Protein backbone atom coordinates (compact mmCIF):
# COMPACT_ATOMS: atom_id res chain seq x y z
CA MET A 1 0.00 0.00 0.00
CA LEU A 2 1.12 3.55 -0.76
CA LYS A 3 1.40 5.70 2.30
CA ASP A 4 0.19 9.28 2.27
CA VAL A 5 3.07 11.66 2.84
CA SER A 6 1.87 13.87 5.64
CA GLY A 7 2.73 15.28 9.02
CA PRO A 8 6.44 15.15 9.89
CA GLN A 9 7.47 13.92 6.42
CA ARG A 10 5.73 16.76 4.66
CA THR A 11 7.16 19.25 7.14
CA ALA A 12 10.67 17.86 6.57
CA ARG A 13 10.26 18.07 2.80
CA MET A 14 9.03 21.69 3.00
CA ALA A 15 11.93 22.58 5.31
CA THR A 16 14.38 21.07 2.81
CA LEU A 17 12.86 23.01 -0.09
CA LYS A 18 12.82 26.21 1.94
CA GLY A 19 16.45 25.67 2.95
CA PHE A 20 17.43 25.15 -0.67
CA GLY A 21 15.61 28.31 -1.73
CA LEU A 22 17.32 30.36 0.96
CA GLY A 23 20.68 28.86 -0.02
CA VAL A 24 20.11 30.10 -3.56
CA LEU A 25 19.20 33.53 -2.14
CA VAL A 26 22.42 33.69 -0.10
CA VAL A 27 24.54 32.68 -3.09
CA GLY A 28 22.75 35.31 -5.18
CA LEU A 29 23.44 38.03 -2.63
CA ILE A 30 27.11 37.07 -2.42
CA GLY A 31 27.27 37.15 -6.20
CA ILE A 32 25.84 40.67 -6.32
CA VAL A 33 28.36 41.93 -3.76
CA ALA A 34 31.26 40.28 -5.61
CA PHE A 35 30.03 41.68 -8.94
CA ALA A 36 29.76 45.19 -7.48
CA VAL A 37 33.22 45.06 -5.90
CA ILE A 38 34.84 43.79 -9.10
CA ARG A 39 33.08 46.37 -11.28
CA GLU A 40 34.04 49.22 -8.93
CA ASN A 41 37.72 48.23 -8.85
CA VAL A 42 38.50 47.16 -12.41
CA LYS A 43 39.36 49.93 -14.84
CA PRO A 44 38.23 49.12 -18.39
CA VAL A 45 40.68 49.83 -21.20
CA GLU A 46 38.52 50.80 -24.16
CA PRO A 47 38.28 53.72 -26.58
CA LYS A 48 36.72 56.95 -25.42
CA VAL A 49 33.41 58.15 -26.80
CA GLU A 50 31.35 61.21 -26.00
CA ALA A 51 29.15 60.61 -22.95
CA ASN A 52 26.09 62.25 -24.41
CA ALA A 53 26.37 60.06 -27.55
CA SER A 54 26.30 56.93 -25.39
CA PHE A 55 23.04 57.67 -23.58
CA VAL A 56 19.90 56.19 -25.08
CA GLY A 57 17.08 56.04 -22.57
CA GLY A 58 19.45 57.05 -19.78
CA LEU A 59 21.75 54.01 -19.89
CA SER A 60 22.92 52.38 -23.10
CA GLN A 61 24.82 49.33 -24.24
CA HIS A 62 27.94 51.53 -24.33
CA ALA A 63 27.85 52.02 -20.56
CA HIS A 64 30.97 49.86 -20.13
CA GLU A 65 33.13 52.17 -22.25
CA THR A 66 35.28 54.92 -20.75
CA MET A 67 33.47 58.18 -21.40
CA ALA A 68 34.81 61.64 -22.14
CA LEU A 69 32.58 63.77 -19.93
CA SER A 70 31.69 67.34 -20.82
CA PRO A 71 32.38 70.03 -18.15
CA GLU A 72 28.67 69.96 -17.15
CA GLU A 73 28.71 66.16 -16.89
CA GLU A 74 31.94 66.31 -14.90
CA SER A 75 30.32 68.78 -12.46
CA TYR A 76 27.33 66.47 -12.12
CA ALA A 77 29.59 63.47 -11.44
CA THR A 78 31.49 65.46 -8.81
CA ALA A 79 28.26 66.54 -7.06
CA LEU A 80 26.84 63.02 -7.11
CA TRP A 81 30.00 61.24 -5.95
CA PRO A 82 29.67 61.74 -2.14
CA ILE A 83 26.03 60.63 -2.26
CA HIS A 84 26.93 57.66 -4.44
CA SER A 85 29.63 56.63 -1.95
CA GLU A 86 27.09 56.62 0.89
CA VAL A 87 24.54 54.70 -1.18
CA LYS A 88 27.12 52.03 -2.08
CA LEU A 89 28.20 51.59 1.53
CA ALA A 90 24.60 51.41 2.77
CA ALA A 91 23.74 48.84 0.09
CA VAL A 92 26.64 46.62 1.14
CA ARG A 93 25.64 46.95 4.81
CA MET A 94 22.07 45.97 3.95
CA ILE A 95 23.19 42.88 2.03
CA PHE A 96 25.52 41.75 4.80
CA ALA A 97 22.85 42.33 7.44
CA GLY A 98 20.60 39.91 5.52
CA LEU A 99 23.42 37.39 5.13
CA ALA A 100 24.27 37.57 8.84
CA TYR A 101 20.62 36.99 9.72
CA LYS A 102 20.37 33.89 7.51
CA THR A 103 23.78 32.35 8.13
CA GLU A 104 24.70 33.34 11.69
CA ASP A 105 22.24 34.46 14.33
CA HIS A 106 18.67 34.34 12.90
CA ASP A 107 17.98 37.24 15.23
CA ALA A 108 15.24 39.40 13.67
CA LYS A 109 15.73 42.15 16.27
CA LYS A 110 19.39 42.47 15.29
CA LEU A 111 18.38 42.55 11.65
CA ARG A 112 15.96 45.39 12.33
CA ALA A 113 18.60 47.31 14.32
CA LYS A 114 21.11 47.03 11.47
CA VAL A 115 18.72 47.79 8.61
CA GLN A 116 16.40 50.47 10.04
CA PRO A 117 19.03 53.26 9.98
CA LEU A 118 19.77 52.41 6.35
CA THR A 119 16.20 53.32 5.37
CA LYS A 120 16.91 56.89 6.44
CA THR A 121 20.29 56.84 4.68
CA PHE A 122 18.62 55.91 1.38
CA GLU A 123 15.74 58.36 1.86
CA ASP A 124 18.16 61.21 2.63
CA ALA A 125 20.29 60.24 -0.38
CA GLY A 126 17.20 60.36 -2.59
CA ILE A 127 16.41 63.89 -1.40
CA ARG A 128 19.98 65.04 -2.03
CA VAL A 129 20.13 63.43 -5.49
CA ARG A 130 16.88 65.12 -6.53
CA LYS A 131 18.41 68.50 -5.63
CA ILE A 132 21.21 68.03 -8.17
CA LYS A 133 20.37 69.37 -11.62
CA PRO A 134 21.81 67.03 -14.24
CA PRO A 135 22.84 68.12 -17.74
CA ALA A 136 20.30 67.25 -20.42
CA ALA A 137 22.35 64.28 -21.66
CA LEU A 138 22.23 62.69 -18.20
CA GLN A 139 18.63 63.51 -17.26
CA GLU A 140 17.27 60.01 -17.85
CA ALA A 141 20.29 58.44 -16.17
CA HIS A 142 19.70 60.77 -13.22
CA ASN A 143 16.05 59.65 -13.06
CA THR A 144 17.23 56.03 -13.11
CA TYR A 145 19.53 56.75 -10.16
CA VAL A 146 16.69 58.32 -8.19
CA GLU A 147 14.52 55.26 -8.82
CA ALA A 148 17.36 52.92 -7.82
CA VAL A 149 17.75 54.69 -4.47
CA LYS A 150 13.97 54.34 -3.94
CA LEU A 151 14.31 50.61 -4.61
CA TYR A 152 17.07 50.34 -1.99
CA SER A 153 14.88 52.17 0.51
CA SER A 154 11.97 49.87 -0.29
CA ALA A 155 14.24 46.85 0.14
CA THR A 156 15.21 47.94 3.66
CA ARG A 157 11.57 48.41 4.65
CA GLU A 158 10.81 44.94 3.30
CA MET A 159 13.67 43.39 5.29
CA ILE A 160 12.43 45.02 8.49
CA LYS A 161 9.13 43.16 8.10
CA VAL A 162 11.01 39.96 8.98
CA ALA A 163 11.17 41.28 12.55
CA ASP A 164 7.37 41.64 12.53
CA ASP A 165 6.30 38.26 11.21
CA GLY A 166 9.45 36.15 10.79
CA LYS A 167 8.71 35.38 7.13
CA ASP A 168 11.76 34.91 4.92
CA GLU A 169 9.73 35.89 1.87
CA HIS A 170 10.50 39.49 2.82
CA LEU A 171 14.21 38.81 2.36
CA ILE A 172 13.60 37.41 -1.11
CA LEU A 173 11.58 40.48 -2.15
CA ALA A 174 14.25 42.77 -0.66
CA GLN A 175 16.97 40.92 -2.56
CA GLN A 176 15.10 41.33 -5.85
CA ARG A 177 14.70 45.08 -5.33
CA SER A 178 18.30 45.46 -4.20
CA GLU A 179 19.59 43.56 -7.23
CA GLN A 180 17.55 45.72 -9.60
CA ALA A 181 18.88 48.89 -7.95
CA SER A 182 22.48 47.62 -7.94
CA LEU A 183 22.53 46.81 -11.64
CA ALA A 184 21.10 50.22 -12.59
CA ILE A 185 23.60 52.08 -10.41
CA LEU A 186 26.55 50.01 -11.65
CA LYS A 187 25.75 50.97 -15.24
CA LEU A 188 25.66 54.66 -14.39
CA SER A 189 28.80 54.29 -12.27
CA ASP A 190 30.69 52.89 -15.28
CA VAL A 191 29.88 56.08 -17.18
CA LEU A 192 30.50 58.69 -14.49
CA TRP A 193 33.34 57.07 -12.55
CA PRO A 194 35.08 54.53 -14.81
CA GLY A 195 37.38 52.16 -13.00
CA GLU A 196 38.93 53.71 -9.93
CA TYR A 197 38.37 57.30 -11.03
CA LYS A 198 37.19 59.57 -8.22
CA PRO A 199 36.05 63.17 -8.88
CA ASN A 200 38.14 65.82 -7.13
């Protein structure tokens, strides 16, 4: 006779599937951090093109090329740099807070304590970015950056919900939003600050 899989067996199977899913999430988060670190520290050696010629819809397929910025674009990059530095650092802290929660302590209160201040960091960054007037060629890229910071802020609020109900689904949603924001910002970063270039 075939036995119905129920009770403890079903619970064990669900736990295994959930564990596998969270393992994939952790690997994905580590991959994003590694990708961001590599992209920020490797200087591409490619021909220069005009920055405003490379922008189609804000961020184009030429985003990996070293750009010759106009004086207005250079001023924009210089104004955005300190905000960008804070956003990058906050994004890394958010990712590692999620990793620590899943792989070390499983303490939702600690997770909230680490992530809650980052919500304000991203919200403040969004306000400061919106105050910068970009040159026309970078307007859509600027809008993309603003939206990316909103996604980071939304990701932190989603992560904090874990402390309210203990559901790991919030971490998955936060990871998706964070990944979307990271990829958009990395593309813009390649244009404004290629390789290890830092505005003066």
